Amino acid sequence: MEESPFVYLVFGLVYAGMILGEFPRLAVDRTGIVLLGAIALVASEHGDFSGVDAPRSSCSSASW
């Protein structure tokens, strides 16, 4: 399976943020950078989450 360039972009930004410790001019530390990267991948549906074995809530409004 081929990953999209968006995944590589998010990975690169998160990796750079982890090295720097924060993004200049933003009040985001390492934890926030990682969370924003994960949210970006999940929200964009570019990530492959087929290997994640997690129960799904019946009251969730998300269409998986």
C-alpha atoms as a PDB file:
ATOM      1  CA  MET A   1       0.000   0.000   0.000  1.00  0.00           C
ATOM      2  CA  GLU A   2       1.310   3.442  -0.891  1.00  0.00           C
ATOM      3  CA  GLU A   3       1.127   6.235   1.678  1.00  0.00           C
ATOM      4  CA  SER A   4       0.084   9.709   0.640  1.00  0.00           C
ATOM      5  CA  PRO A   5       2.460  12.680   0.812  1.00  0.00           C
ATOM      6  CA  PHE A   6       0.223  14.101   3.562  1.00  0.00           C
ATOM      7  CA  VAL A   7       1.278  11.311   5.928  1.00  0.00           C
ATOM      8  CA  TYR A   8       4.943  12.052   5.276  1.00  0.00           C
ATOM      9  CA  LEU A   9       4.335  15.782   5.796  1.00  0.00           C
ATOM     10  CA  VAL A  10       2.615  15.223   9.147  1.00  0.00           C
ATOM     11  CA  PHE A  11       5.325  12.773  10.213  1.00  0.00           C
ATOM     12  CA  GLY A  12       8.053  15.259   9.272  1.00  0.00           C
ATOM     13  CA  LEU A  13       6.392  18.117  11.137  1.00  0.00           C
ATOM     14  CA  VAL A  14       5.846  15.998  14.249  1.00  0.00           C
ATOM     15  CA  TYR A  15       9.420  14.708  14.114  1.00  0.00           C
ATOM     16  CA  ALA A  16      10.795  18.263  13.725  1.00  0.00           C
ATOM     17  CA  GLY A  17       8.623  19.433  16.596  1.00  0.00           C
ATOM     18  CA  MET A  18       9.902  16.625  18.794  1.00  0.00           C
ATOM     19  CA  ILE A  19      13.501  17.619  18.032  1.00  0.00           C
ATOM     20  CA  LEU A  20      12.870  21.328  18.643  1.00  0.00           C
ATOM     21  CA  GLY A  21      10.720  20.751  21.732  1.00  0.00           C
ATOM     22  CA  GLU A  22       8.156  23.277  20.516  1.00  0.00           C
ATOM     23  CA  PHE A  23       7.137  25.153  17.413  1.00  0.00           C
ATOM     24  CA  PRO A  24       8.321  28.757  17.361  1.00  0.00           C
ATOM     25  CA  ARG A  25       5.576  31.350  17.971  1.00  0.00           C
ATOM     26  CA  LEU A  26       3.057  28.687  19.012  1.00  0.00           C
ATOM     27  CA  ALA A  27       2.205  27.713  22.559  1.00  0.00           C
ATOM     28  CA  VAL A  28       2.508  24.001  21.733  1.00  0.00           C
ATOM     29  CA  ASP A  29       4.941  21.689  23.495  1.00  0.00           C
ATOM     30  CA  ARG A  30       5.976  18.131  22.523  1.00  0.00           C
ATOM     31  CA  THR A  31       2.789  16.557  23.845  1.00  0.00           C
ATOM     32  CA  GLY A  32       0.625  19.005  21.933  1.00  0.00           C
ATOM     33  CA  ILE A  33       2.610  18.462  18.745  1.00  0.00           C
ATOM     34  CA  VAL A  34       2.107  14.697  18.927  1.00  0.00           C
ATOM     35  CA  LEU A  35      -1.608  15.075  19.684  1.00  0.00           C
ATOM     36  CA  LEU A  36      -2.106  17.503  16.800  1.00  0.00           C
ATOM     37  CA  GLY A  37      -0.295  15.121  14.449  1.00  0.00           C
ATOM     38  CA  ALA A  38      -2.462  12.193  15.541  1.00  0.00           C
ATOM     39  CA  ILE A  39      -5.626  14.269  15.204  1.00  0.00           C
ATOM     40  CA  ALA A  40      -4.578  15.391  11.727  1.00  0.00           C
ATOM     41  CA  LEU A  41      -4.064  11.796  10.573  1.00  0.00           C
ATOM     42  CA  VAL A  42      -7.316  10.500  12.050  1.00  0.00           C
ATOM     43  CA  ALA A  43      -9.370  13.452  10.824  1.00  0.00           C
ATOM     44  CA  SER A  44      -7.951  13.261   7.299  1.00  0.00           C
ATOM     45  CA  GLU A  45      -8.502   9.486   7.016  1.00  0.00           C
ATOM     46  CA  HIS A  46      -5.081   9.110   5.375  1.00  0.00           C
ATOM     47  CA  GLY A  47      -3.788   6.819   8.103  1.00  0.00           C
ATOM     48  CA  ASP A  48      -4.155   3.046   7.923  1.00  0.00           C
ATOM     49  CA  PHE A  49      -5.773   1.936  11.159  1.00  0.00           C
ATOM     50  CA  SER A  50      -6.711  -1.596  10.076  1.00  0.00           C
ATOM     51  CA  GLY A  51      -4.234  -3.071  12.579  1.00  0.00           C
ATOM     52  CA  VAL A  52      -5.841  -1.327  15.555  1.00  0.00           C
ATOM     53  CA  ASP A  53      -8.012  -3.702  17.528  1.00  0.00           C
ATOM     54  CA  ALA A  54     -10.220  -1.422  19.584  1.00  0.00           C
ATOM     55  CA  PRO A  55     -13.884  -1.841  20.493  1.00  0.00           C
ATOM     56  CA  ARG A  56     -16.186   0.601  18.838  1.00  0.00           C
ATOM     57  CA  SER A  57     -18.895   2.336  20.770  1.00  0.00           C
ATOM     58  CA  SER A  58     -22.439   1.824  19.549  1.00  0.00           C
ATOM     59  CA  CYS A  59     -23.281   5.422  20.414  1.00  0.00           C
ATOM     60  CA  SER A  60     -20.460   6.854  18.320  1.00  0.00           C
ATOM     61  CA  SER A  61     -21.617   9.100  15.503  1.00  0.00           C
ATOM     62  CA  ALA A  62     -18.473   8.540  13.416  1.00  0.00           C
ATOM     63  CA  SER A  63     -18.863   6.456  10.276  1.00  0.00           C
ATOM     64  CA  TRP A  64     -15.980   4.000  10.226  1.00  0.00           C
END
